[in-house]
PDB file of all heavy atoms in Angstrom:
ATOM      1  N   CYS A   1       7.692  -0.884   1.171  1.00  0.00           N
ATOM      2  CA  CYS A   1       8.080  -0.715   2.565  1.00  0.00           C
ATOM      3  C   CYS A   1       7.213   0.336   3.238  1.00  0.00           C
ATOM      4  O   CYS A   1       6.457   0.040   4.172  1.00  0.00           O
ATOM      5  CB  CYS A   1       9.559  -0.344   2.645  1.00  0.00           C
ATOM      6  SG  CYS A   1      10.154  -0.023   4.324  1.00  0.00           S
ATOM      7  N   ALA A   2       7.308   1.591   2.793  1.00  0.00           N
ATOM      8  CA  ALA A   2       6.546   2.668   3.430  1.00  0.00           C
ATOM      9  C   ALA A   2       5.049   2.512   3.198  1.00  0.00           C
ATOM     10  O   ALA A   2       4.236   2.831   4.071  1.00  0.00           O
ATOM     11  CB  ALA A   2       7.027   4.022   2.923  1.00  0.00           C
ATOM     12  N   VAL A   3       4.646   2.015   2.023  1.00  0.00           N
ATOM     13  CA  VAL A   3       3.219   1.819   1.744  1.00  0.00           C
ATOM     14  C   VAL A   3       2.635   0.777   2.694  1.00  0.00           C
ATOM     15  O   VAL A   3       1.534   0.949   3.231  1.00  0.00           O
ATOM     16  CB  VAL A   3       3.004   1.415   0.278  1.00  0.00           C
ATOM     17  CG1 VAL A   3       1.555   0.992   0.045  1.00  0.00           C
ATOM     18  CG2 VAL A   3       3.355   2.571  -0.646  1.00  0.00           C
ATOM     19  N   SER A   4       3.364  -0.304   2.936  1.00  0.00           N
ATOM     20  CA  SER A   4       2.875  -1.350   3.839  1.00  0.00           C
ATOM     21  C   SER A   4       2.824  -0.856   5.278  1.00  0.00           C
ATOM     22  O   SER A   4       1.957  -1.275   6.052  1.00  0.00           O
ATOM     23  CB  SER A   4       3.767  -2.589   3.739  1.00  0.00           C
ATOM     24  OG  SER A   4       3.715  -3.136   2.445  1.00  0.00           O
ATOM     25  N   ALA A   5       3.756   0.022   5.639  1.00  0.00           N
ATOM     26  CA  ALA A   5       3.713   0.624   6.973  1.00  0.00           C
ATOM     27  C   ALA A   5       2.434   1.440   7.139  1.00  0.00           C
ATOM     28  O   ALA A   5       1.730   1.319   8.147  1.00  0.00           O
ATOM     29  CB  ALA A   5       4.949   1.490   7.189  1.00  0.00           C
ATOM     30  N   ALA A   6       2.128   2.270   6.144  1.00  0.00           N
ATOM     31  CA  ALA A   6       0.902   3.066   6.206  1.00  0.00           C
ATOM     32  C   ALA A   6      -0.336   2.191   6.206  1.00  0.00           C
ATOM     33  O   ALA A   6      -1.336   2.494   6.866  1.00  0.00           O
ATOM     34  CB  ALA A   6       0.862   4.042   5.035  1.00  0.00           C
ATOM     35  N   ALA A   7      -0.281   1.085   5.475  1.00  0.00           N
ATOM     36  CA  ALA A   7      -1.439   0.192   5.365  1.00  0.00           C
ATOM     37  C   ALA A   7      -1.815  -0.430   6.703  1.00  0.00           C
ATOM     38  O   ALA A   7      -2.970  -0.838   6.890  1.00  0.00           O
ATOM     39  CB  ALA A   7      -1.158  -0.912   4.348  1.00  0.00           C
ATOM     40  N   GLN A   8      -0.889  -0.495   7.638  1.00  0.00           N
ATOM     41  CA  GLN A   8      -1.210  -1.054   8.952  1.00  0.00           C
ATOM     42  C   GLN A   8      -2.307  -0.246   9.648  1.00  0.00           C
ATOM     43  O   GLN A   8      -3.058  -0.776  10.460  1.00  0.00           O
ATOM     44  CB  GLN A   8       0.049  -1.100   9.830  1.00  0.00           C
ATOM     45  CG  GLN A   8       1.193  -1.918   9.273  1.00  0.00           C
ATOM     46  CD  GLN A   8       0.837  -3.374   9.063  1.00  0.00           C
ATOM     47  OE1 GLN A   8       0.331  -4.041   9.968  1.00  0.00           O
ATOM     48  NE2 GLN A   8       1.103  -3.881   7.865  1.00  0.00           N
ATOM     49  N   LEU A   9      -2.419   1.038   9.302  1.00  0.00           N
ATOM     50  CA  LEU A   9      -3.452   1.892   9.897  1.00  0.00           C
ATOM     51  C   LEU A   9      -4.757   1.877   9.120  1.00  0.00           C
ATOM     52  O   LEU A   9      -5.762   2.430   9.574  1.00  0.00           O
ATOM     53  CB  LEU A   9      -2.966   3.341   9.983  1.00  0.00           C
ATOM     54  CG  LEU A   9      -1.773   3.643  10.868  1.00  0.00           C
ATOM     55  CD1 LEU A   9      -0.496   3.787  10.048  1.00  0.00           C
ATOM     56  CD2 LEU A   9      -1.992   4.914  11.675  1.00  0.00           C
ATOM     57  N   SER A  10      -4.764   1.274   7.943  1.00  0.00           N
ATOM     58  CA  SER A  10      -5.890   1.438   7.025  1.00  0.00           C
ATOM     59  C   SER A  10      -7.235   0.950   7.563  1.00  0.00           C
ATOM     60  O   SER A  10      -8.265   1.531   7.200  1.00  0.00           O
ATOM     61  CB  SER A  10      -5.582   0.765   5.683  1.00  0.00           C
ATOM     62  OG  SER A  10      -5.426  -0.626   5.821  1.00  0.00           O
ATOM     63  N   PRO A  11      -7.308  -0.093   8.413  1.00  0.00           N
ATOM     64  CA  PRO A  11      -8.636  -0.472   8.915  1.00  0.00           C
ATOM     65  C   PRO A  11      -9.301   0.599   9.779  1.00  0.00           C
ATOM     66  O   PRO A  11     -10.491   0.486  10.082  1.00  0.00           O
ATOM     67  CB  PRO A  11      -8.349  -1.737   9.737  1.00  0.00           C
ATOM     68  CG  PRO A  11      -7.080  -2.289   9.168  1.00  0.00           C
ATOM     69  CD  PRO A  11      -6.286  -1.076   8.814  1.00  0.00           C
ATOM     70  N   ALA A  12      -8.539   1.634  10.163  1.00  0.00           N
ATOM     71  CA  ALA A  12      -9.080   2.665  11.047  1.00  0.00           C
ATOM     72  C   ALA A  12      -9.502   3.926  10.310  1.00  0.00           C
ATOM     73  O   ALA A  12      -9.897   4.903  10.961  1.00  0.00           O
ATOM     74  CB  ALA A  12      -8.037   3.028  12.106  1.00  0.00           C
ATOM     75  N   VAL A  13      -9.448   3.941   8.956  1.00  0.00           N
ATOM     76  CA  VAL A  13      -9.688   5.190   8.228  1.00  0.00           C
ATOM     77  C   VAL A  13     -10.896   5.090   7.305  1.00  0.00           C
ATOM     78  O   VAL A  13     -11.425   4.005   7.053  1.00  0.00           O
ATOM     79  CB  VAL A  13      -8.434   5.597   7.413  1.00  0.00           C
ATOM     80  CG1 VAL A  13      -7.212   5.654   8.318  1.00  0.00           C
ATOM     81  CG2 VAL A  13      -8.182   4.661   6.241  1.00  0.00           C
ATOM     82  N   ASP A  14     -11.306   6.254   6.770  1.00  0.00           N
ATOM     83  CA  ASP A  14     -12.448   6.323   5.856  1.00  0.00           C
ATOM     84  C   ASP A  14     -12.027   6.131   4.400  1.00  0.00           C
ATOM     85  O   ASP A  14     -12.736   5.503   3.619  1.00  0.00           O
ATOM     86  CB  ASP A  14     -13.148   7.685   5.993  1.00  0.00           C
ATOM     87  CG  ASP A  14     -13.643   7.939   7.400  1.00  0.00           C
ATOM     88  OD1 ASP A  14     -14.597   7.265   7.815  1.00  0.00           O
ATOM     89  OD2 ASP A  14     -13.065   8.796   8.092  1.00  0.00           O
ATOM     90  N   PHE A  15     -10.897   6.707   4.027  1.00  0.00           N
ATOM     91  CA  PHE A  15     -10.376   6.608   2.669  1.00  0.00           C
ATOM     92  C   PHE A  15      -8.904   6.241   2.727  1.00  0.00           C
ATOM     93  O   PHE A  15      -8.202   6.618   3.672  1.00  0.00           O
ATOM     94  CB  PHE A  15     -10.514   7.938   1.912  1.00  0.00           C
ATOM     95  CG  PHE A  15     -11.917   8.330   1.573  1.00  0.00           C
ATOM     96  CD1 PHE A  15     -12.628   9.188   2.393  1.00  0.00           C
ATOM     97  CD2 PHE A  15     -12.529   7.862   0.417  1.00  0.00           C
ATOM     98  CE1 PHE A  15     -13.925   9.566   2.088  1.00  0.00           C
ATOM     99  CE2 PHE A  15     -13.830   8.238   0.095  1.00  0.00           C
ATOM    100  CZ  PHE A  15     -14.524   9.084   0.928  1.00  0.00           C
ATOM    101  N   ALA A  16      -8.450   5.522   1.706  1.00  0.00           N
ATOM    102  CA  ALA A  16      -7.029   5.185   1.600  1.00  0.00           C
ATOM    103  C   ALA A  16      -6.540   5.494   0.192  1.00  0.00           C
ATOM    104  O   ALA A  16      -7.231   5.226  -0.791  1.00  0.00           O
ATOM    105  CB  ALA A  16      -6.802   3.709   1.920  1.00  0.00           C
ATOM    106  N   ASP A  17      -5.357   6.071   0.138  1.00  0.00           N
ATOM    107  CA  ASP A  17      -4.691   6.325  -1.140  1.00  0.00           C
ATOM    108  C   ASP A  17      -3.290   5.726  -1.040  1.00  0.00           C
ATOM    109  O   ASP A  17      -2.305   6.435  -0.835  1.00  0.00           O
ATOM    110  CB  ASP A  17      -4.635   7.831  -1.411  1.00  0.00           C
ATOM    111  CG  ASP A  17      -3.922   8.150  -2.717  1.00  0.00           C
ATOM    112  OD1 ASP A  17      -3.984   7.328  -3.637  1.00  0.00           O
ATOM    113  OD2 ASP A  17      -3.291   9.222  -2.804  1.00  0.00           O
ATOM    114  N   LEU A  18      -3.214   4.411  -1.139  1.00  0.00           N
ATOM    115  CA  LEU A  18      -1.971   3.685  -0.929  1.00  0.00           C
ATOM    116  C   LEU A  18      -1.578   2.946  -2.205  1.00  0.00           C
ATOM    117  O   LEU A  18      -1.612   1.717  -2.286  1.00  0.00           O
ATOM    118  CB  LEU A  18      -2.112   2.713   0.244  1.00  0.00           C
ATOM    119  CG  LEU A  18      -2.395   3.374   1.603  1.00  0.00           C
ATOM    120  CD1 LEU A  18      -2.524   2.333   2.696  1.00  0.00           C
ATOM    121  CD2 LEU A  18      -1.318   4.405   1.966  1.00  0.00           C
ATOM    122  N   ASP A  19      -1.206   3.753  -3.193  1.00  0.00           N
ATOM    123  CA  ASP A  19      -0.830   3.172  -4.489  1.00  0.00           C
ATOM    124  C   ASP A  19       0.591   3.522  -4.893  1.00  0.00           C
ATOM    125  O   ASP A  19       1.008   3.258  -6.020  1.00  0.00           O
ATOM    126  CB  ASP A  19      -1.799   3.661  -5.581  1.00  0.00           C
ATOM    127  CG  ASP A  19      -1.733   5.180  -5.782  1.00  0.00           C
ATOM    128  OD1 ASP A  19      -1.135   5.878  -4.934  1.00  0.00           O
ATOM    129  OD2 ASP A  19      -2.294   5.669  -6.776  1.00  0.00           O
ATOM    130  N   GLY A  20       1.363   4.126  -3.984  1.00  0.00           N
ATOM    131  CA  GLY A  20       2.694   4.597  -4.339  1.00  0.00           C
ATOM    132  C   GLY A  20       3.603   3.520  -4.879  1.00  0.00           C
ATOM    133  O   GLY A  20       4.401   3.757  -5.794  1.00  0.00           O
ATOM    134  N   ASN A  21       3.491   2.309  -4.329  1.00  0.00           N
ATOM    135  CA  ASN A  21       4.323   1.198  -4.802  1.00  0.00           C
ATOM    136  C   ASN A  21       3.875   0.704  -6.178  1.00  0.00           C
ATOM    137  O   ASN A  21       4.678   0.109  -6.915  1.00  0.00           O
ATOM    138  CB  ASN A  21       4.295   0.053  -3.798  1.00  0.00           C
ATOM    139  CG  ASN A  21       2.887  -0.450  -3.507  1.00  0.00           C
ATOM    140  OD1 ASN A  21       1.921   0.310  -3.566  1.00  0.00           O
ATOM    141  ND2 ASN A  21       2.755  -1.724  -3.185  1.00  0.00           N
ATOM    142  N   LEU A  22       2.632   0.951  -6.526  1.00  0.00           N
ATOM    143  CA  LEU A  22       2.121   0.500  -7.821  1.00  0.00           C
ATOM    144  C   LEU A  22       2.518   1.443  -8.948  1.00  0.00           C
ATOM    145  O   LEU A  22       2.362   1.098 -10.125  1.00  0.00           O
ATOM    146  CB  LEU A  22       0.597   0.385  -7.764  1.00  0.00           C
ATOM    147  CG  LEU A  22       0.030  -0.504  -6.651  1.00  0.00           C
ATOM    148  CD1 LEU A  22      -1.483  -0.467  -6.669  1.00  0.00           C
ATOM    149  CD2 LEU A  22       0.544  -1.930  -6.774  1.00  0.00           C
ATOM    150  N   LEU A  23       3.017   2.622  -8.592  1.00  0.00           N
ATOM    151  CA  LEU A  23       3.393   3.627  -9.586  1.00  0.00           C
ATOM    152  C   LEU A  23       4.851   3.523 -10.010  1.00  0.00           C
ATOM    153  O   LEU A  23       5.295   4.268 -10.877  1.00  0.00           O
ATOM    154  CB  LEU A  23       3.123   5.031  -9.033  1.00  0.00           C
ATOM    155  CG  LEU A  23       1.693   5.344  -8.605  1.00  0.00           C
ATOM    156  CD1 LEU A  23       1.615   6.734  -7.982  1.00  0.00           C
ATOM    157  CD2 LEU A  23       0.728   5.236  -9.775  1.00  0.00           C
ATOM    158  N   ILE A  24       5.615   2.590  -9.390  1.00  0.00           N
ATOM    159  CA  ILE A  24       7.037   2.485  -9.687  1.00  0.00           C
ATOM    160  C   ILE A  24       7.371   1.145 -10.346  1.00  0.00           C
ATOM    161  O   ILE A  24       6.594   0.187 -10.279  1.00  0.00           O
ATOM    162  CB  ILE A  24       7.896   2.675  -8.426  1.00  0.00           C
ATOM    163  CG1 ILE A  24       7.635   1.549  -7.412  1.00  0.00           C
ATOM    164  CG2 ILE A  24       7.620   4.034  -7.792  1.00  0.00           C
ATOM    165  CD1 ILE A  24       8.571   1.575  -6.220  1.00  0.00           C
ATOM    166  N   THR A  25       8.550   1.097 -10.961  1.00  0.00           N
ATOM    167  CA  THR A  25       8.989  -0.112 -11.670  1.00  0.00           C
ATOM    168  C   THR A  25      10.073  -0.871 -10.923  1.00  0.00           C
ATOM    169  O   THR A  25      10.438  -1.984 -11.341  1.00  0.00           O
ATOM    170  CB  THR A  25       9.539   0.246 -13.061  1.00  0.00           C
ATOM    171  OG1 THR A  25      10.678   1.108 -12.914  1.00  0.00           O
ATOM    172  CG2 THR A  25       8.480   0.942 -13.901  1.00  0.00           C
ATOM    173  N   ASN A  26      10.607  -0.325  -9.846  1.00  0.00           N
ATOM    174  CA  ASN A  26      11.762  -0.948  -9.184  1.00  0.00           C
ATOM    175  C   ASN A  26      11.534  -1.137  -7.691  1.00  0.00           C
ATOM    176  O   ASN A  26      12.362  -0.748  -6.855  1.00  0.00           O
ATOM    177  CB  ASN A  26      13.033  -0.137  -9.436  1.00  0.00           C
ATOM    178  CG  ASN A  26      12.933   1.315  -8.949  1.00  0.00           C
ATOM    179  OD1 ASN A  26      11.843   1.859  -8.816  1.00  0.00           O
ATOM    180  ND2 ASN A  26      14.082   1.922  -8.687  1.00  0.00           N
ATOM    181  N   ASP A  27      10.407  -1.734  -7.334  1.00  0.00           N
ATOM    182  CA  ASP A  27      10.120  -2.037  -5.936  1.00  0.00           C
ATOM    183  C   ASP A  27      11.158  -3.023  -5.402  1.00  0.00           C
ATOM    184  O   ASP A  27      11.641  -3.895  -6.127  1.00  0.00           O
ATOM    185  CB  ASP A  27       8.711  -2.624  -5.803  1.00  0.00           C
ATOM    186  CG  ASP A  27       8.114  -2.437  -4.415  1.00  0.00           C
ATOM    187  OD1 ASP A  27       8.857  -2.079  -3.485  1.00  0.00           O
ATOM    188  OD2 ASP A  27       6.893  -2.638  -4.268  1.00  0.00           O
ATOM    189  N   LEU A  28      11.479  -2.899  -4.124  1.00  0.00           N
ATOM    190  CA  LEU A  28      12.443  -3.790  -3.470  1.00  0.00           C
ATOM    191  C   LEU A  28      11.764  -4.879  -2.651  1.00  0.00           C
ATOM    192  O   LEU A  28      12.425  -5.830  -2.231  1.00  0.00           O
ATOM    193  CB  LEU A  28      13.346  -2.978  -2.536  1.00  0.00           C
ATOM    194  CG  LEU A  28      14.374  -2.069  -3.195  1.00  0.00           C
ATOM    195  CD1 LEU A  28      14.845  -1.023  -2.208  1.00  0.00           C
ATOM    196  CD2 LEU A  28      15.537  -2.887  -3.718  1.00  0.00           C
ATOM    197  N   PHE A  29      10.472  -4.718  -2.394  1.00  0.00           N
ATOM    198  CA  PHE A  29       9.778  -5.571  -1.445  1.00  0.00           C
ATOM    199  C   PHE A  29       8.441  -6.064  -2.002  1.00  0.00           C
ATOM    200  O   PHE A  29       7.872  -5.472  -2.914  1.00  0.00           O
ATOM    201  CB  PHE A  29       9.478  -4.803  -0.151  1.00  0.00           C
ATOM    202  CG  PHE A  29      10.663  -4.187   0.510  1.00  0.00           C
ATOM    203  CD1 PHE A  29      11.032  -2.874   0.219  1.00  0.00           C
ATOM    204  CD2 PHE A  29      11.413  -4.894   1.428  1.00  0.00           C
ATOM    205  CE1 PHE A  29      12.121  -2.285   0.834  1.00  0.00           C
ATOM    206  CE2 PHE A  29      12.506  -4.315   2.048  1.00  0.00           C
ATOM    207  CZ  PHE A  29      12.866  -3.008   1.749  1.00  0.00           C
ATOM    208  N   LYS A  30       7.960  -7.121  -1.386  1.00  0.00           N
ATOM    209  CA  LYS A  30       6.561  -7.504  -1.518  1.00  0.00           C
ATOM    210  C   LYS A  30       5.917  -7.248  -0.161  1.00  0.00           C
ATOM    211  O   LYS A  30       6.417  -7.686   0.876  1.00  0.00           O
ATOM    212  CB  LYS A  30       6.417  -8.982  -1.882  1.00  0.00           C
ATOM    213  CG  LYS A  30       4.962  -9.427  -1.996  1.00  0.00           C
ATOM    214  CD  LYS A  30       4.852 -10.909  -2.339  1.00  0.00           C
ATOM    215  CE  LYS A  30       3.383 -11.343  -2.409  1.00  0.00           C
ATOM    216  NZ  LYS A  30       3.246 -12.794  -2.708  1.00  0.00           N
ATOM    217  N   GLY A  31       4.820  -6.513  -0.173  1.00  0.00           N
ATOM    218  CA  GLY A  31       4.179  -6.173   1.090  1.00  0.00           C
ATOM    219  C   GLY A  31       2.675  -6.122   0.932  1.00  0.00           C
ATOM    220  O   GLY A  31       2.061  -7.065   0.426  1.00  0.00           O
ATOM    221  N   MET A  32       2.072  -5.004   1.339  1.00  0.00           N
ATOM    222  CA  MET A  32       0.628  -4.828   1.208  1.00  0.00           C
ATOM    223  C   MET A  32       0.197  -5.080  -0.235  1.00  0.00           C
ATOM    224  O   MET A  32       0.824  -4.624  -1.172  1.00  0.00           O
ATOM    225  CB  MET A  32       0.256  -3.402   1.621  1.00  0.00           C
ATOM    226  CG  MET A  32      -1.233  -3.093   1.575  1.00  0.00           C
ATOM    227  SD  MET A  32      -1.865  -2.570  -0.057  1.00  0.00           S
ATOM    228  CE  MET A  32      -1.185  -0.939  -0.219  1.00  0.00           C
ATOM    229  N   GLU A  33      -0.895  -5.813  -0.402  1.00  0.00           N
ATOM    230  CA  GLU A  33      -1.401  -6.106  -1.733  1.00  0.00           C
ATOM    231  C   GLU A  33      -2.790  -5.510  -1.914  1.00  0.00           C
ATOM    232  O   GLU A  33      -3.485  -5.201  -0.939  1.00  0.00           O
ATOM    233  CB  GLU A  33      -1.445  -7.617  -1.974  1.00  0.00           C
ATOM    234  CG  GLU A  33      -0.069  -8.269  -1.953  1.00  0.00           C
ATOM    235  CD  GLU A  33      -0.137  -9.748  -2.302  1.00  0.00           C
ATOM    236  OE1 GLU A  33      -1.096 -10.421  -1.853  1.00  0.00           O
ATOM    237  OE2 GLU A  33       0.753 -10.225  -3.018  1.00  0.00           O
ATOM    238  N   VAL A  34      -3.162  -5.333  -3.159  1.00  0.00           N
ATOM    239  CA  VAL A  34      -4.510  -4.890  -3.501  1.00  0.00           C
ATOM    240  C   VAL A  34      -5.225  -6.061  -4.162  1.00  0.00           C
ATOM    241  O   VAL A  34      -4.794  -6.549  -5.207  1.00  0.00           O
ATOM    242  CB  VAL A  34      -4.479  -3.674  -4.443  1.00  0.00           C
ATOM    243  CG1 VAL A  34      -5.902  -3.258  -4.820  1.00  0.00           C
ATOM    244  CG2 VAL A  34      -3.745  -2.508  -3.779  1.00  0.00           C
ATOM    245  N   VAL A  35      -6.295  -6.529  -3.548  1.00  0.00           N
ATOM    246  CA  VAL A  35      -7.056  -7.678  -4.036  1.00  0.00           C
ATOM    247  C   VAL A  35      -8.476  -7.221  -4.309  1.00  0.00           C
ATOM    248  O   VAL A  35      -9.170  -6.749  -3.399  1.00  0.00           O
ATOM    249  CB  VAL A  35      -7.045  -8.833  -3.013  1.00  0.00           C
ATOM    250  CG1 VAL A  35      -7.879 -10.003  -3.534  1.00  0.00           C
ATOM    251  CG2 VAL A  35      -5.619  -9.271  -2.717  1.00  0.00           C
ATOM    252  N   ASP A  36      -8.888  -7.323  -5.555  1.00  0.00           N
ATOM    253  CA  ASP A  36     -10.215  -6.842  -5.964  1.00  0.00           C
ATOM    254  C   ASP A  36     -10.426  -5.388  -5.536  1.00  0.00           C
ATOM    255  O   ASP A  36     -11.508  -4.990  -5.107  1.00  0.00           O
ATOM    256  CB  ASP A  36     -11.321  -7.729  -5.377  1.00  0.00           C
ATOM    257  CG  ASP A  36     -11.268  -9.155  -5.913  1.00  0.00           C
ATOM    258  OD1 ASP A  36     -10.864  -9.331  -7.075  1.00  0.00           O
ATOM    259  OD2 ASP A  36     -11.612 -10.079  -5.161  1.00  0.00           O
ATOM    260  N   GLY A  37      -9.365  -4.611  -5.650  1.00  0.00           N
ATOM    261  CA  GLY A  37      -9.442  -3.190  -5.359  1.00  0.00           C
ATOM    262  C   GLY A  37      -9.289  -2.813  -3.896  1.00  0.00           C
ATOM    263  O   GLY A  37      -9.171  -1.632  -3.575  1.00  0.00           O
TER     264      GLY A  37
END
């Protein structure tokens, strides 16, 4: 949820650190994905 919200801004930035959902085992949602990094 929150990671996908932040990802909406990602095309406007130099670096992104949006891995918080990947560090947990009990996500509630499917949202922003990482494809080929």
